[in-house]
Amino acid sequence: MSLIQVKAIKGVYDERQKREIISKLTDALVEIGGEHLRSVVVVTFEEVESGSWGIAGTPVTTEDVQKMSIS
């Protein structure tokens, strides 16, 4: 059995995006380990309250993440 844990700030991903993340992470592990593993891949998606996540000592909110641009 394999467990993949995802943590994200609440409100960053909508329900469709969370389902897609879970599906694609499962697919990635199965691609590496083989289709026989699909039934034992567990993915959990945990949301942390906005402002309860910190980067470099500073709390980060949902709005902060939405403003971020990764180049």
N, C-alpha and C. Protein backbone atom coordinates (compact mmCIF):
# COMPACT_ATOMS: atom_id res chain seq x y z
N MET A 1 0.85 -1.18 0.00
CA MET A 1 0.00 0.00 0.00
C MET A 1 0.89 1.23 0.00
N SER A 2 0.49 2.22 -0.75
CA SER A 2 1.21 3.50 -0.80
C SER A 2 0.27 4.62 -0.38
N LEU A 3 0.79 5.55 0.39
CA LEU A 3 0.03 6.70 0.85
C LEU A 3 0.68 7.97 0.35
N ILE A 4 -0.09 8.79 -0.35
CA ILE A 4 0.37 10.10 -0.80
C ILE A 4 -0.47 11.13 -0.04
N GLN A 5 0.20 12.04 0.66
CA GLN A 5 -0.50 13.07 1.42
C GLN A 5 -0.27 14.43 0.77
N VAL A 6 -1.35 15.13 0.53
CA VAL A 6 -1.29 16.47 -0.06
C VAL A 6 -1.86 17.44 0.96
N LYS A 7 -1.13 18.52 1.20
CA LYS A 7 -1.64 19.59 2.07
C LYS A 7 -1.63 20.87 1.26
N ALA A 8 -2.71 21.63 1.38
CA ALA A 8 -2.83 22.90 0.66
C ALA A 8 -3.64 23.86 1.52
N ILE A 9 -3.47 25.12 1.24
CA ILE A 9 -4.26 26.13 1.94
C ILE A 9 -5.70 26.05 1.45
N LYS A 10 -6.64 26.06 2.38
CA LYS A 10 -8.07 25.95 2.07
C LYS A 10 -8.48 27.05 1.08
N GLY A 11 -9.21 26.63 0.06
CA GLY A 11 -9.73 27.59 -0.91
C GLY A 11 -8.85 27.82 -2.12
N VAL A 12 -7.66 27.24 -2.14
CA VAL A 12 -6.77 27.41 -3.28
C VAL A 12 -7.25 26.56 -4.46
N TYR A 13 -7.68 25.33 -4.17
CA TYR A 13 -8.14 24.41 -5.21
C TYR A 13 -9.63 24.17 -5.06
N ASP A 14 -10.35 24.14 -6.17
CA ASP A 14 -11.77 23.80 -6.10
C ASP A 14 -11.92 22.27 -6.14
N GLU A 15 -13.15 21.79 -6.01
CA GLU A 15 -13.38 20.35 -5.92
C GLU A 15 -12.91 19.61 -7.18
N ARG A 16 -13.12 20.18 -8.35
CA ARG A 16 -12.67 19.55 -9.59
C ARG A 16 -11.16 19.42 -9.61
N GLN A 17 -10.45 20.46 -9.20
CA GLN A 17 -8.99 20.44 -9.17
C GLN A 17 -8.47 19.41 -8.17
N LYS A 18 -9.11 19.30 -7.02
CA LYS A 18 -8.69 18.31 -6.03
C LYS A 18 -8.87 16.89 -6.57
N ARG A 19 -9.98 16.62 -7.24
CA ARG A 19 -10.19 15.30 -7.84
C ARG A 19 -9.11 15.01 -8.89
N GLU A 20 -8.76 16.03 -9.67
CA GLU A 20 -7.73 15.86 -10.70
C GLU A 20 -6.37 15.58 -10.08
N ILE A 21 -6.03 16.29 -9.02
CA ILE A 21 -4.76 16.07 -8.32
C ILE A 21 -4.70 14.64 -7.80
N ILE A 22 -5.78 14.19 -7.16
CA ILE A 22 -5.82 12.83 -6.62
C ILE A 22 -5.66 11.81 -7.74
N SER A 23 -6.37 12.01 -8.82
CA SER A 23 -6.30 11.08 -9.95
C SER A 23 -4.91 11.03 -10.57
N LYS A 24 -4.32 12.20 -10.82
CA LYS A 24 -3.02 12.24 -11.49
C LYS A 24 -1.88 11.74 -10.60
N LEU A 25 -1.97 11.99 -9.29
CA LEU A 25 -0.95 11.45 -8.40
C LEU A 25 -1.04 9.93 -8.35
N THR A 26 -2.25 9.40 -8.34
CA THR A 26 -2.43 7.95 -8.39
C THR A 26 -1.83 7.39 -9.68
N ASP A 27 -2.17 8.03 -10.80
CA ASP A 27 -1.64 7.60 -12.10
C ASP A 27 -0.11 7.61 -12.13
N ALA A 28 0.50 8.63 -11.53
CA ALA A 28 1.96 8.74 -11.53
C ALA A 28 2.59 7.57 -10.78
N LEU A 29 2.04 7.23 -9.63
CA LEU A 29 2.59 6.12 -8.86
C LEU A 29 2.39 4.79 -9.58
N VAL A 30 1.24 4.63 -10.20
CA VAL A 30 0.96 3.40 -10.95
C VAL A 30 1.88 3.29 -12.16
N GLU A 31 2.16 4.41 -12.80
CA GLU A 31 3.08 4.41 -13.95
C GLU A 31 4.46 3.90 -13.54
N ILE A 32 4.89 4.25 -12.37
CA ILE A 32 6.20 3.82 -11.88
C ILE A 32 6.18 2.39 -11.37
N GLY A 33 5.15 2.05 -10.57
CA GLY A 33 5.14 0.76 -9.90
C GLY A 33 4.35 -0.34 -10.57
N GLY A 34 3.47 0.03 -11.48
CA GLY A 34 2.67 -0.97 -12.17
C GLY A 34 1.19 -0.87 -11.83
N GLU A 35 0.38 -1.27 -12.80
CA GLU A 35 -1.08 -1.16 -12.67
C GLU A 35 -1.62 -1.96 -11.48
N HIS A 36 -0.94 -3.03 -11.12
CA HIS A 36 -1.41 -3.86 -10.00
C HIS A 36 -1.47 -3.08 -8.68
N LEU A 37 -0.80 -1.94 -8.62
CA LEU A 37 -0.79 -1.14 -7.39
C LEU A 37 -1.99 -0.19 -7.27
N ARG A 38 -2.71 0.05 -8.36
CA ARG A 38 -3.78 1.07 -8.36
C ARG A 38 -4.74 0.90 -7.18
N SER A 39 -5.14 -0.32 -6.90
CA SER A 39 -6.15 -0.55 -5.86
C SER A 39 -5.63 -0.30 -4.45
N VAL A 40 -4.32 -0.14 -4.30
CA VAL A 40 -3.77 0.09 -2.96
C VAL A 40 -3.06 1.43 -2.83
N VAL A 41 -3.29 2.33 -3.80
CA VAL A 41 -2.76 3.69 -3.70
C VAL A 41 -3.81 4.55 -2.99
N VAL A 42 -3.42 5.15 -1.88
CA VAL A 42 -4.30 6.01 -1.11
C VAL A 42 -3.77 7.43 -1.19
N VAL A 43 -4.64 8.37 -1.54
CA VAL A 43 -4.27 9.78 -1.60
C VAL A 43 -5.19 10.53 -0.65
N THR A 44 -4.59 11.31 0.26
CA THR A 44 -5.39 12.16 1.13
C THR A 44 -5.11 13.61 0.76
N PHE A 45 -6.15 14.42 0.80
CA PHE A 45 -6.02 15.85 0.48
C PHE A 45 -6.52 16.61 1.70
N GLU A 46 -5.59 17.23 2.39
CA GLU A 46 -5.92 17.95 3.62
C GLU A 46 -5.78 19.45 3.37
N GLU A 47 -6.78 20.19 3.81
CA GLU A 47 -6.73 21.64 3.66
C GLU A 47 -6.43 22.29 5.01
N VAL A 48 -5.49 23.21 4.98
CA VAL A 48 -5.09 23.98 6.16
C VAL A 48 -5.79 25.33 6.07
N GLU A 49 -6.34 25.78 7.17
CA GLU A 49 -7.05 27.06 7.18
C GLU A 49 -6.16 28.19 6.67
N SER A 50 -6.76 29.08 5.92
CA SER A 50 -6.07 30.27 5.42
C SER A 50 -5.46 31.03 6.59
N GLY A 51 -4.18 31.38 6.46
CA GLY A 51 -3.49 32.09 7.53
C GLY A 51 -2.80 31.17 8.52
N SER A 52 -3.07 29.87 8.44
CA SER A 52 -2.46 28.90 9.36
C SER A 52 -1.27 28.20 8.72
N TRP A 53 -0.80 28.71 7.63
CA TRP A 53 0.33 28.16 6.87
C TRP A 53 1.35 29.28 6.82
N GLY A 54 2.60 29.01 7.09
CA GLY A 54 3.60 30.06 7.07
C GLY A 54 4.76 29.74 6.16
N ILE A 55 5.28 30.75 5.50
CA ILE A 55 6.48 30.64 4.68
C ILE A 55 7.44 31.72 5.15
N ALA A 56 8.65 31.32 5.46
CA ALA A 56 9.68 32.25 5.92
C ALA A 56 9.22 33.07 7.12
N GLY A 57 8.45 32.42 8.00
CA GLY A 57 8.01 33.08 9.22
C GLY A 57 6.81 33.98 9.07
N THR A 58 6.19 34.00 7.90
CA THR A 58 5.05 34.87 7.66
C THR A 58 3.82 34.03 7.30
N PRO A 59 2.68 34.27 7.96
CA PRO A 59 1.46 33.54 7.61
C PRO A 59 1.06 33.82 6.16
N VAL A 60 0.56 32.78 5.50
CA VAL A 60 0.13 32.90 4.11
C VAL A 60 -1.37 32.59 4.04
N THR A 61 -2.10 33.42 3.31
CA THR A 61 -3.54 33.24 3.17
C THR A 61 -3.88 32.73 1.77
N THR A 62 -5.13 32.33 1.61
CA THR A 62 -5.63 31.92 0.30
C THR A 62 -5.41 33.04 -0.71
N GLU A 63 -5.69 34.25 -0.31
CA GLU A 63 -5.53 35.41 -1.20
C GLU A 63 -4.07 35.59 -1.60
N ASP A 64 -3.16 35.37 -0.67
CA ASP A 64 -1.73 35.47 -0.99
C ASP A 64 -1.35 34.48 -2.09
N VAL A 65 -1.83 33.25 -1.96
CA VAL A 65 -1.50 32.21 -2.96
C VAL A 65 -2.09 32.59 -4.30
N GLN A 66 -3.31 33.09 -4.32
CA GLN A 66 -3.96 33.45 -5.57
C GLN A 66 -3.23 34.59 -6.29
N LYS A 67 -2.52 35.42 -5.54
CA LYS A 67 -1.75 36.53 -6.13
C LYS A 67 -0.39 36.10 -6.63
N MET A 68 0.08 34.92 -6.19
CA MET A 68 1.42 34.45 -6.56
C MET A 68 1.49 34.11 -8.04
N SER A 69 2.64 34.42 -8.59
CA SER A 69 2.91 34.06 -9.98
C SER A 69 4.27 33.40 -10.02
N ILE A 70 4.28 32.14 -10.47
CA ILE A 70 5.54 31.42 -10.55
C ILE A 70 6.01 31.48 -11.98
N SER A 71 7.20 32.02 -12.18
CA SER A 71 7.74 32.17 -13.53
C SER A 71 8.62 31.01 -13.89
